[in-house]
Every structure is written in structure tokens, then in C-alpha cells.
Amino acid sequence: MLLLLLVACTGAPSPDTASDCDPSITWDGWTEGFFSTYCDACHSSRAANRHGAPESSVFDTEAQVVDQLDRVRVRVLDEQTMPLGGGVFEEDLTLLHRWVACRE
């Protein structure tokens, strides 16, 4: 059993390799819409109620998101603790993963 588990784990690709990068996924073409849909309610500078989101976590621009990319990757892709309440479609997580991979 342990051998099977070890074999299964060693063959898994690293989740953030350059081969995961998809340069056709752009901020203007897809990613801005992702952040607008899933994150703006708490992480926009225009949010009426940030629901406890830190003032430093603003995702209005690509530069702001890239500046906090490590936290975005951990919270949205790895832990899937954001957005609060979940609800991100699997296809969107895949596209976000590919966009993030191009920036790491």
C-alpha cells in the first residue's frame, strides 16, 4: 500500500511548471473578469464592505494581483479557501492556474 502511494506521488507533475503556462490567457482577455467575478466584492478599492479583507489586498489591476500572486495562488488554487464560500468553477481554477504559471 505504501509503495503504491509513493509511486503515485512521485509521478505527479509540479503544479507551477513553465509547461503549465498558457500565454493565450491574458489579463484583458480573461483574468480581469475572473477577479471581477470572484474577488471584487471584498478586494476592490470600490467595495462598500470588504468583509474583513485586508486594506492591502486590492485586486483592481493586474499589477496589484501580480504583486500578491503568492497569496492568490495559495488561497485560491492550493487551499481553495478563497473566495469565501467557494463557488469557483473547476474550469476557472484551471485557467487561473495556467495564468499564474506564466507569472512565476
C-alpha atoms as a PDB file:
ATOM      1  CA  MET A   1       0.000   0.000   0.000  1.00  0.00           C
ATOM      2  CA  LEU A   2       2.759   2.435   0.973  1.00  0.00           C
ATOM      3  CA  LEU A   3       4.686   1.575  -2.187  1.00  0.00           C
ATOM      4  CA  LEU A   4       1.630   2.294  -4.304  1.00  0.00           C
ATOM      5  CA  LEU A   5       1.201   5.660  -2.580  1.00  0.00           C
ATOM      6  CA  LEU A   6       4.866   6.557  -3.133  1.00  0.00           C
ATOM      7  CA  VAL A   7       4.726   5.606  -6.803  1.00  0.00           C
ATOM      8  CA  ALA A   8       1.552   7.618  -7.308  1.00  0.00           C
ATOM      9  CA  CYS A   9       3.040  10.707  -5.665  1.00  0.00           C
ATOM     10  CA  THR A  10       6.407  10.694  -7.419  1.00  0.00           C
ATOM     11  CA  GLY A  11       4.855  10.794 -10.869  1.00  0.00           C
ATOM     12  CA  ALA A  12       2.760  13.888 -10.181  1.00  0.00           C
ATOM     13  CA  PRO A  13       3.912  16.994 -12.058  1.00  0.00           C
ATOM     14  CA  SER A  14       4.743  20.133 -10.165  1.00  0.00           C
ATOM     15  CA  PRO A  15       1.653  22.379 -10.262  1.00  0.00           C
ATOM     16  CA  ASP A  16       3.568  25.520 -11.215  1.00  0.00           C
ATOM     17  CA  THR A  17       5.874  24.474 -14.006  1.00  0.00           C
ATOM     18  CA  ALA A  18       6.548  26.518 -17.105  1.00  0.00           C
ATOM     19  CA  SER A  19       4.764  23.839 -19.136  1.00  0.00           C
ATOM     20  CA  ASP A  20       1.521  24.788 -17.353  1.00  0.00           C
ATOM     21  CA  CYS A  21       1.793  28.357 -18.651  1.00  0.00           C
ATOM     22  CA  ASP A  22      -0.753  29.346 -21.282  1.00  0.00           C
ATOM     23  CA  PRO A  23       0.202  32.751 -22.743  1.00  0.00           C
ATOM     24  CA  SER A  24      -3.141  32.976 -24.538  1.00  0.00           C
ATOM     25  CA  ILE A  25      -4.797  33.617 -21.146  1.00  0.00           C
ATOM     26  CA  THR A  26      -4.393  37.353 -20.682  1.00  0.00           C
ATOM     27  CA  TRP A  27      -5.439  39.883 -18.073  1.00  0.00           C
ATOM     28  CA  ASP A  28      -7.628  41.774 -20.540  1.00  0.00           C
ATOM     29  CA  GLY A  29      -8.991  38.655 -22.204  1.00  0.00           C
ATOM     30  CA  TRP A  30      -9.931  36.527 -19.194  1.00  0.00           C
ATOM     31  CA  THR A  31      -8.162  37.102 -15.876  1.00  0.00           C
ATOM     32  CA  GLU A  32      -9.575  40.554 -15.127  1.00  0.00           C
ATOM     33  CA  GLY A  33     -13.045  39.046 -15.462  1.00  0.00           C
ATOM     34  CA  PHE A  34     -12.139  36.261 -13.032  1.00  0.00           C
ATOM     35  CA  PHE A  35     -11.056  38.751 -10.372  1.00  0.00           C
ATOM     36  CA  SER A  36     -14.066  40.953 -11.064  1.00  0.00           C
ATOM     37  CA  THR A  37     -16.426  37.989 -10.687  1.00  0.00           C
ATOM     38  CA  TYR A  38     -14.889  36.189  -7.729  1.00  0.00           C
ATOM     39  CA  CYS A  39     -12.870  38.793  -5.812  1.00  0.00           C
ATOM     40  CA  ASP A  40     -14.214  42.343  -6.265  1.00  0.00           C
ATOM     41  CA  ALA A  41     -16.882  42.048  -3.572  1.00  0.00           C
ATOM     42  CA  CYS A  42     -14.122  42.106  -0.922  1.00  0.00           C
ATOM     43  CA  HIS A  43     -10.894  43.007  -2.739  1.00  0.00           C
ATOM     44  CA  SER A  44     -11.863  46.011  -4.851  1.00  0.00           C
ATOM     45  CA  SER A  45     -10.980  49.555  -3.841  1.00  0.00           C
ATOM     46  CA  ARG A  46     -14.641  50.313  -4.597  1.00  0.00           C
ATOM     47  CA  ALA A  47     -16.070  47.581  -2.333  1.00  0.00           C
ATOM     48  CA  ALA A  48     -18.666  49.041   0.035  1.00  0.00           C
ATOM     49  CA  ASN A  49     -17.977  46.317   2.630  1.00  0.00           C
ATOM     50  CA  ARG A  50     -14.666  44.459   2.379  1.00  0.00           C
ATOM     51  CA  HIS A  51     -15.908  41.751   4.787  1.00  0.00           C
ATOM     52  CA  GLY A  52     -12.611  41.781   6.683  1.00  0.00           C
ATOM     53  CA  ALA A  53     -10.287  41.693   3.670  1.00  0.00           C
ATOM     54  CA  PRO A  54      -7.015  43.483   4.463  1.00  0.00           C
ATOM     55  CA  GLU A  55      -6.772  47.003   3.048  1.00  0.00           C
ATOM     56  CA  SER A  56      -3.529  45.938   1.357  1.00  0.00           C
ATOM     57  CA  SER A  57      -5.326  43.209  -0.626  1.00  0.00           C
ATOM     58  CA  VAL A  58      -6.751  45.147  -3.559  1.00  0.00           C
ATOM     59  CA  PHE A  59      -7.116  43.432  -6.937  1.00  0.00           C
ATOM     60  CA  ASP A  60      -8.223  46.278  -9.210  1.00  0.00           C
ATOM     61  CA  THR A  61      -5.270  45.969 -11.599  1.00  0.00           C
ATOM     62  CA  GLU A  62      -3.035  43.270 -12.984  1.00  0.00           C
ATOM     63  CA  ALA A  63      -0.050  44.820 -11.183  1.00  0.00           C
ATOM     64  CA  GLN A  64      -1.867  44.610  -7.833  1.00  0.00           C
ATOM     65  CA  VAL A  65      -2.719  40.958  -8.410  1.00  0.00           C
ATOM     66  CA  VAL A  66       0.790  40.053  -9.569  1.00  0.00           C
ATOM     67  CA  ASP A  67       2.212  41.815  -6.503  1.00  0.00           C
ATOM     68  CA  GLN A  68       0.241  39.386  -4.320  1.00  0.00           C
ATOM     69  CA  LEU A  69       0.419  36.374  -6.609  1.00  0.00           C
ATOM     70  CA  ASP A  70       1.900  34.057  -3.978  1.00  0.00           C
ATOM     71  CA  ARG A  71      -1.081  34.623  -1.673  1.00  0.00           C
ATOM     72  CA  VAL A  72      -3.562  34.335  -4.546  1.00  0.00           C
ATOM     73  CA  ARG A  73      -2.032  31.015  -5.593  1.00  0.00           C
ATOM     74  CA  VAL A  74      -2.088  29.640  -2.051  1.00  0.00           C
ATOM     75  CA  ARG A  75      -5.574  30.818  -1.087  1.00  0.00           C
ATOM     76  CA  VAL A  76      -7.412  30.271  -4.392  1.00  0.00           C
ATOM     77  CA  LEU A  77      -5.573  27.385  -6.046  1.00  0.00           C
ATOM     78  CA  ASP A  78      -3.805  25.403  -3.315  1.00  0.00           C
ATOM     79  CA  GLU A  79      -6.037  25.735  -0.252  1.00  0.00           C
ATOM     80  CA  GLN A  80      -9.184  26.800  -2.125  1.00  0.00           C
ATOM     81  CA  THR A  81     -10.206  28.936   0.874  1.00  0.00           C
ATOM     82  CA  MET A  82     -10.948  31.954  -1.314  1.00  0.00           C
ATOM     83  CA  PRO A  83     -13.328  33.234  -2.286  1.00  0.00           C
ATOM     84  CA  LEU A  84     -15.199  32.809   0.960  1.00  0.00           C
ATOM     85  CA  GLY A  85     -17.992  30.360   0.370  1.00  0.00           C
ATOM     86  CA  GLY A  86     -16.231  28.802  -2.631  1.00  0.00           C
ATOM     87  CA  GLY A  87     -18.158  28.539  -5.834  1.00  0.00           C
ATOM     88  CA  VAL A  88     -15.288  28.774  -8.333  1.00  0.00           C
ATOM     89  CA  PHE A  89     -15.889  26.540 -11.336  1.00  0.00           C
ATOM     90  CA  GLU A  90     -13.193  23.929 -11.946  1.00  0.00           C
ATOM     91  CA  GLU A  91     -12.589  25.324 -15.452  1.00  0.00           C
ATOM     92  CA  ASP A  92     -11.904  28.760 -13.946  1.00  0.00           C
ATOM     93  CA  LEU A  93      -9.439  27.293 -11.461  1.00  0.00           C
ATOM     94  CA  THR A  94      -7.626  25.580 -14.329  1.00  0.00           C
ATOM     95  CA  LEU A  95      -7.419  28.800 -16.353  1.00  0.00           C
ATOM     96  CA  LEU A  96      -6.245  30.767 -13.316  1.00  0.00           C
ATOM     97  CA  HIS A  97      -3.593  28.142 -12.627  1.00  0.00           C
ATOM     98  CA  ARG A  98      -2.320  28.487 -16.210  1.00  0.00           C
ATOM     99  CA  TRP A  99      -2.284  32.300 -15.980  1.00  0.00           C
ATOM    100  CA  VAL A 100      -0.417  32.186 -12.658  1.00  0.00           C
ATOM    101  CA  ALA A 101       2.109  29.682 -14.052  1.00  0.00           C
ATOM    102  CA  CYS A 102       3.134  32.237 -16.685  1.00  0.00           C
ATOM    103  CA  ARG A 103       3.999  34.753 -13.984  1.00  0.00           C
ATOM    104  CA  GLU A 104       6.041  32.603 -11.617  1.00  0.00           C
END
